[in-house]
Amino acid sequence: MNELGIEELRKDIAALWEKRARGDVSERAFPKESERRVLELCRTLVRRRMGESESIRFEHHAVRAHTKMAGSVLRESEQEFISLLATERRLFRLRAIHTPDRPLLFLDGDKDAVEELVYASASGVTVRAQRRKGQIVAGLVIAGFALLGYSWLQITGSALFLLGIAGALHGLLVPTRWAEVLQPEPTVFPPFQIWALRKKSARQLLKFLRQKIQQR
């Protein structure tokens, strides 16, 4: 795909959603095509801010849905879409709430929703973890319901109990992990965070950031 102007890309994405609404694009083909165009918009927004000697070295795209991470981009509803693109000098971030009724155009009012962090302003990168409290509670509720209704659920009750306990244990023993870029000075933006650390793109980006920040 040739690099189009930003507004042309936004119009292209909006047109794709209109085609989907009319039934001209199948539900099976839409997610992949929408993802491809959205990621191209992310890259184009970042390229417009880069200097002549800058290039995108690594990129990582993820969606954050409440207490869990979705495996592929733009698949579930009510998610925060986070796109990180790293150059030799800085880290760019684009964020937006993805809902099933509107396209991702990365607009903050009438401005492009692009944030950036210069490596010189960072002091390090750390990995944090948090228990999946929502999953633990949900698992215990399911297990409790299975126990209370065991007399009439019978075999189904046993399966529900095991499912609930498994879910609670998973939430307890497998916490949500993310990496965070540390900045000694307060900023107007929330901390730059890297989610879905198991993805290859996240591991590569994390390694690259640590190298760049240590070189200062």
Protein backbone atom coordinates (compact mmCIF):
# COMPACT_ATOMS: atom_id res chain seq x y z
CA MET A 1 0.00 0.00 0.00
CA ASN A 2 1.43 3.42 -0.99
CA GLU A 3 1.65 5.91 1.88
CA LEU A 4 -1.37 8.14 1.67
CA GLY A 5 -1.99 11.47 3.37
CA ILE A 6 -3.33 11.22 6.90
CA GLU A 7 -6.76 12.59 6.06
CA GLU A 8 -7.02 10.28 3.06
CA LEU A 9 -6.22 7.33 5.33
CA ARG A 10 -8.89 8.40 7.81
CA LYS A 11 -11.43 8.72 5.04
CA ASP A 12 -10.38 5.29 3.78
CA ILE A 13 -10.98 3.74 7.21
CA ALA A 14 -14.35 5.48 7.59
CA ALA A 15 -15.36 4.29 4.10
CA LEU A 16 -14.49 0.71 5.08
CA TRP A 17 -16.85 0.94 8.05
CA GLU A 18 -19.60 2.29 5.79
CA LYS A 19 -19.08 -0.64 3.41
CA ARG A 20 -19.36 -3.03 6.34
CA ALA A 21 -22.63 -1.38 7.43
CA ARG A 22 -24.03 -1.83 3.92
CA GLY A 23 -22.90 -5.44 3.78
CA ASP A 24 -20.30 -4.81 1.05
CA VAL A 25 -17.54 -6.17 3.31
CA SER A 26 -17.99 -9.50 5.09
CA GLU A 27 -17.66 -9.78 8.87
CA ARG A 28 -14.90 -12.31 8.31
CA ALA A 29 -12.79 -10.02 6.14
CA PHE A 30 -13.48 -6.77 7.99
CA PRO A 31 -11.27 -7.19 11.13
CA LYS A 32 -8.12 -7.99 9.16
CA GLU A 33 -8.65 -5.21 6.64
CA SER A 34 -9.54 -2.70 9.36
CA GLU A 35 -6.44 -3.64 11.35
CA ARG A 36 -4.18 -3.23 8.31
CA ARG A 37 -5.48 0.27 7.58
CA VAL A 38 -5.45 1.40 11.22
CA LEU A 39 -1.82 0.32 11.66
CA GLU A 40 -0.87 2.15 8.47
CA LEU A 41 -2.51 5.28 9.89
CA CYS A 42 -0.45 4.87 13.08
CA ARG A 43 2.78 4.66 11.12
CA THR A 44 1.88 7.65 8.95
CA LEU A 45 1.03 9.81 11.97
CA VAL A 46 4.40 8.97 13.51
CA ARG A 47 6.40 9.45 10.31
CA ARG A 48 5.05 12.99 10.01
CA ARG A 49 6.69 13.84 13.35
CA MET A 50 10.04 12.16 12.72
CA GLY A 51 13.23 13.94 11.73
CA GLU A 52 15.05 13.29 8.47
CA SER A 53 17.49 10.83 10.04
CA GLU A 54 14.83 8.97 12.04
CA SER A 55 13.17 5.70 11.11
CA ILE A 56 10.81 3.32 12.85
CA ARG A 57 12.94 0.58 14.38
CA PHE A 58 10.37 -1.40 16.36
CA GLU A 59 6.63 -1.31 16.83
CA HIS A 60 4.21 -3.06 19.14
CA HIS A 61 0.42 -2.96 19.02
CA ALA A 62 -1.87 -4.33 21.72
CA VAL A 63 -5.36 -4.03 23.10
CA ARG A 64 -6.13 -3.85 26.76
CA ALA A 65 -9.58 -5.05 27.79
CA HIS A 66 -10.32 -4.49 31.48
CA THR A 67 -8.41 -7.26 33.35
CA LYS A 68 -7.27 -9.31 30.37
CA MET A 69 -5.25 -8.88 27.25
CA ALA A 70 -6.75 -9.73 23.90
CA GLY A 71 -4.54 -11.79 21.64
CA SER A 72 -5.03 -9.97 18.37
CA VAL A 73 -5.57 -6.31 17.65
CA LEU A 74 -9.07 -4.86 17.25
CA ARG A 75 -11.03 -8.07 17.90
CA GLU A 76 -13.12 -7.46 21.03
CA SER A 77 -15.33 -4.54 22.11
CA GLU A 78 -14.66 -1.81 24.67
CA GLN A 79 -10.89 -2.02 24.58
CA GLU A 80 -8.05 0.45 24.79
CA PHE A 81 -5.92 0.23 21.67
CA ILE A 82 -2.26 1.07 22.32
CA SER A 83 0.26 1.47 19.53
CA LEU A 84 3.96 1.98 20.34
CA LEU A 85 6.53 2.87 17.68
CA ALA A 86 10.19 3.37 18.53
CA THR A 87 12.80 5.31 16.56
CA GLU A 88 16.48 5.89 17.30
CA ARG A 89 15.61 8.97 19.38
CA ARG A 90 12.18 8.53 20.94
CA LEU A 91 9.15 6.40 21.61
CA PHE A 92 5.79 7.34 20.10
CA ARG A 93 2.44 6.24 21.49
CA LEU A 94 -1.08 6.35 20.07
CA ARG A 95 -4.04 5.43 22.27
CA ALA A 96 -7.75 5.21 21.65
CA ILE A 97 -10.81 3.46 23.03
CA HIS A 98 -12.05 0.94 20.48
CA THR A 99 -15.80 0.42 20.39
CA PRO A 100 -17.79 -1.64 17.87
CA ASP A 101 -19.72 1.37 16.56
CA ARG A 102 -16.96 3.73 15.43
CA PRO A 103 -13.59 3.49 13.65
CA LEU A 104 -10.21 4.29 15.18
CA LEU A 105 -9.01 7.58 13.70
CA PHE A 106 -6.68 8.75 16.51
CA LEU A 107 -8.13 12.20 16.95
CA ASP A 108 -8.07 14.11 20.24
CA GLY A 109 -10.57 16.80 19.43
CA ASP A 110 -9.17 18.39 16.29
CA LYS A 111 -5.60 17.25 16.98
CA ASP A 112 -3.77 14.02 16.23
CA ALA A 113 -3.65 11.75 19.32
CA VAL A 114 0.10 11.16 19.30
CA GLU A 115 2.33 11.24 22.40
CA GLU A 116 6.11 11.00 22.44
CA LEU A 117 8.87 10.26 24.92
CA VAL A 118 12.51 11.21 24.30
CA TYR A 119 14.90 8.57 25.63
CA ALA A 120 16.99 11.27 27.32
CA SER A 121 14.04 11.99 29.65
CA ALA A 122 13.78 8.36 30.85
CA SER A 123 15.70 6.79 33.72
CA GLY A 124 14.94 3.13 33.08
CA VAL A 125 12.39 0.44 32.28
CA THR A 126 10.80 -1.83 34.87
CA VAL A 127 8.40 -4.76 34.72
CA ARG A 128 5.36 -4.61 37.01
CA ALA A 129 2.73 -7.21 37.92
CA GLN A 130 -0.79 -7.15 39.35
CA ARG A 131 -3.12 -9.92 40.49
CA ARG A 132 -6.14 -10.47 38.25
CA LYS A 133 -8.68 -9.58 40.95
CA GLY A 134 -11.67 -9.61 38.63
CA GLN A 135 -10.85 -13.09 37.39
CA ILE A 136 -10.29 -14.37 40.94
CA VAL A 137 -13.65 -13.04 42.12
CA ALA A 138 -15.45 -14.39 39.06
CA GLY A 139 -13.90 -17.83 39.55
CA LEU A 140 -14.89 -17.96 43.21
CA VAL A 141 -18.45 -16.88 42.38
CA ILE A 142 -18.75 -19.67 39.81
CA ALA A 143 -17.36 -22.22 42.26
CA GLY A 144 -19.70 -21.02 44.99
CA PHE A 145 -22.72 -21.21 42.69
CA ALA A 146 -21.72 -24.76 41.72
CA LEU A 147 -21.56 -25.80 45.38
CA LEU A 148 -24.90 -24.23 46.26
CA GLY A 149 -26.64 -25.80 43.29
CA TYR A 150 -24.85 -29.15 43.32
CA SER A 151 -28.01 -31.08 44.29
CA TRP A 152 -29.72 -30.20 41.03
CA LEU A 153 -26.72 -29.46 38.78
CA GLN A 154 -25.02 -32.84 39.55
CA ILE A 155 -22.34 -33.55 36.90
CA THR A 156 -22.62 -30.01 35.52
CA GLY A 157 -22.05 -28.68 39.03
CA SER A 158 -18.76 -30.54 39.33
CA ALA A 159 -17.59 -29.17 36.01
CA LEU A 160 -18.59 -25.63 37.00
CA PHE A 161 -16.82 -25.95 40.34
CA LEU A 162 -13.59 -27.09 38.69
CA LEU A 163 -13.88 -24.34 36.10
CA GLY A 164 -14.36 -21.70 38.78
CA ILE A 165 -11.44 -22.94 40.87
CA ALA A 166 -9.21 -23.11 37.78
CA GLY A 167 -10.13 -19.54 36.87
CA ALA A 168 -9.46 -18.27 40.38
CA LEU A 169 -6.09 -20.05 40.54
CA HIS A 170 -5.11 -18.68 37.15
CA GLY A 171 -5.91 -15.15 38.28
CA LEU A 172 -3.93 -15.69 41.49
CA LEU A 173 -0.88 -17.46 40.09
CA VAL A 174 -0.61 -15.77 36.67
CA PRO A 175 -0.75 -12.01 37.31
CA THR A 176 -1.05 -9.40 34.61
CA ARG A 177 2.42 -8.17 33.68
CA TRP A 178 3.49 -5.03 31.87
CA ALA A 179 6.61 -2.92 31.42
CA GLU A 180 6.76 0.76 32.30
CA VAL A 181 9.24 3.44 31.22
CA LEU A 182 10.42 5.36 34.28
CA GLN A 183 10.71 9.14 34.15
CA PRO A 184 12.16 11.09 37.08
CA GLU A 185 10.29 14.28 36.14
CA PRO A 186 6.46 14.48 36.13
CA THR A 187 4.83 14.67 32.70
CA VAL A 188 1.43 15.61 31.32
CA PHE A 189 1.03 12.09 29.86
CA PRO A 190 0.36 8.87 31.79
CA PRO A 191 3.40 6.54 32.04
CA PHE A 192 4.45 4.82 28.83
CA GLN A 193 3.54 1.15 29.32
CA ILE A 194 4.13 -1.96 27.25
CA TRP A 195 1.34 -4.55 27.50
CA ALA A 196 1.10 -8.12 26.22
CA LEU A 197 4.72 -8.87 27.11
CA ARG A 198 4.55 -12.42 25.74
CA LYS A 199 4.30 -11.14 22.19
CA LYS A 200 7.54 -11.15 20.22
CA SER A 201 7.12 -7.49 19.26
CA ALA A 202 6.84 -6.54 22.96
CA ARG A 203 10.01 -8.44 23.88
CA GLN A 204 11.94 -6.82 21.03
CA LEU A 205 10.71 -3.35 21.94
CA LEU A 206 11.53 -3.85 25.62
CA LYS A 207 15.08 -4.97 24.82
CA PHE A 208 15.59 -2.02 22.46
CA LEU A 209 14.32 0.53 25.00
CA ARG A 210 16.57 -0.80 27.73
CA GLN A 211 19.57 -0.53 25.44
CA LYS A 212 18.74 3.03 24.33
CA ILE A 213 18.09 4.30 27.85
CA GLN A 214 21.23 2.68 29.27
CA GLN A 215 23.33 4.34 26.54
CA ARG A 216 22.54 7.83 27.82
